[in-house]
Amino acid sequence: MSILSTALYMVSTEEEAEQFVAMAPGMSAAYEQQPGFEKMVVARDVMDPLMIVTLSWWGSQEAVDAWTKNQGYRAAKNESGGQGLKAKMEFGRWTPAG
């Protein structure tokens, strides 16, 4: 059974929203290097373009925990164009999916 990691982020400007979405391909490449990673989707809310949701699927809870606690997580964000980006996580949850 997979674990679905869901996070909802808010940014302050349209430019920050575009920056967040633009870093998704680089983040996906970094995620793909992590044991247990399956896939990721990044999308903007059509009703509120300053709200962004990320969905990532993992092979186990341990795999997603290891990635989010890893320094590589922050380095991947910075290397993907997210350095200095202030996105406030409004919601984060991990649930079994499958």
Protein backbone atom coordinates (compact mmCIF):
# COMPACT_ATOMS: atom_id res chain seq x y z
CA MET A 1 0.00 0.00 0.00
CA SER A 2 1.27 3.47 -0.87
CA ILE A 3 1.33 6.51 1.38
CA LEU A 4 -0.09 9.74 -0.05
CA SER A 5 1.57 12.90 1.24
CA THR A 6 -0.70 15.91 0.71
CA ALA A 7 0.32 19.50 1.43
CA LEU A 8 -1.44 22.80 0.84
CA TYR A 9 0.68 25.94 0.54
CA MET A 10 -0.16 29.65 0.38
CA VAL A 11 2.05 32.26 -1.25
CA SER A 12 1.66 36.04 -1.23
CA THR A 13 1.93 36.97 -4.90
CA GLU A 14 1.27 35.64 -8.39
CA GLU A 15 5.04 35.70 -9.01
CA GLU A 16 5.67 33.48 -5.97
CA ALA A 17 2.97 31.06 -7.17
CA GLU A 18 4.65 30.85 -10.57
CA GLN A 19 8.03 30.34 -8.89
CA PHE A 20 6.63 27.53 -6.73
CA VAL A 21 5.10 25.71 -9.71
CA ALA A 22 8.22 26.29 -11.85
CA MET A 23 10.41 24.50 -9.31
CA ALA A 24 8.23 21.34 -9.51
CA PRO A 25 10.23 19.59 -12.28
CA GLY A 26 13.50 20.03 -10.37
CA MET A 27 11.89 18.84 -7.17
CA SER A 28 10.45 15.83 -8.97
CA ALA A 29 13.94 14.93 -10.19
CA ALA A 30 15.24 15.09 -6.62
CA TYR A 31 12.29 13.07 -5.32
CA GLU A 32 12.92 10.37 -7.93
CA GLN A 33 16.33 9.74 -6.34
CA GLN A 34 14.72 8.90 -2.98
CA PRO A 35 14.04 5.31 -1.94
CA GLY A 36 10.31 4.63 -1.85
CA PHE A 37 9.23 7.58 -4.00
CA GLU A 38 6.52 6.76 -6.56
CA LYS A 39 5.18 9.99 -8.12
CA MET A 40 4.36 13.65 -7.47
CA VAL A 41 1.77 16.18 -8.68
CA VAL A 42 1.89 19.96 -8.11
CA ALA A 43 -1.18 22.05 -8.95
CA ARG A 44 -2.58 25.53 -8.40
CA ASP A 45 -6.11 26.02 -7.13
CA VAL A 46 -8.30 27.39 -9.94
CA MET A 47 -10.39 29.41 -7.45
CA ASP A 48 -7.37 30.83 -5.58
CA PRO A 49 -4.19 30.98 -7.68
CA LEU A 50 -2.10 31.76 -4.58
CA MET A 51 -2.93 28.31 -3.18
CA ILE A 52 -0.82 25.35 -4.33
CA VAL A 53 -1.30 21.69 -3.52
CA THR A 54 1.35 19.00 -3.70
CA LEU A 55 0.56 15.30 -3.78
CA SER A 56 3.31 12.71 -3.55
CA TRP A 57 3.02 8.95 -3.34
CA TRP A 58 5.53 6.87 -1.37
CA GLY A 59 6.09 3.18 -0.78
CA SER A 60 5.99 3.55 3.01
CA GLN A 61 5.58 6.05 5.83
CA GLU A 62 9.26 5.55 6.67
CA ALA A 63 10.27 6.61 3.15
CA VAL A 64 8.32 9.88 3.24
CA ASP A 65 9.51 10.63 6.79
CA ALA A 66 13.13 10.04 5.81
CA TRP A 67 12.82 12.40 2.83
CA THR A 68 11.12 15.26 4.70
CA LYS A 69 13.72 15.10 7.48
CA ASN A 70 16.63 14.91 5.02
CA GLN A 71 18.78 17.98 4.29
CA GLY A 72 18.50 16.98 0.62
CA TYR A 73 14.86 18.08 0.77
CA ARG A 74 15.82 21.71 1.44
CA ALA A 75 18.78 21.59 -0.95
CA ALA A 76 16.49 20.28 -3.73
CA LYS A 77 14.07 23.15 -3.13
CA ASN A 78 16.86 25.73 -3.37
CA GLU A 79 18.50 24.11 -6.41
CA SER A 80 15.12 23.95 -8.19
CA GLY A 81 14.60 27.72 -7.98
CA GLY A 82 12.86 27.92 -4.63
CA GLN A 83 15.62 29.67 -2.69
CA GLY A 84 14.09 32.54 -0.74
CA LEU A 85 10.53 31.47 -1.60
CA LYS A 86 8.22 31.92 1.37
CA ALA A 87 5.37 29.46 1.03
CA LYS A 88 3.31 28.88 4.16
CA MET A 89 2.15 25.30 4.63
CA GLU A 90 -1.49 25.48 5.62
CA PHE A 91 -2.07 21.76 5.77
CA GLY A 92 -0.05 18.58 5.58
CA ARG A 93 -1.26 15.01 5.93
CA TRP A 94 -0.09 11.48 5.15
CA THR A 95 -2.71 8.85 4.44
CA PRO A 96 -2.68 5.27 3.12
CA ALA A 97 -3.60 5.19 -0.57
CA GLY A 98 -4.14 2.06 -2.44
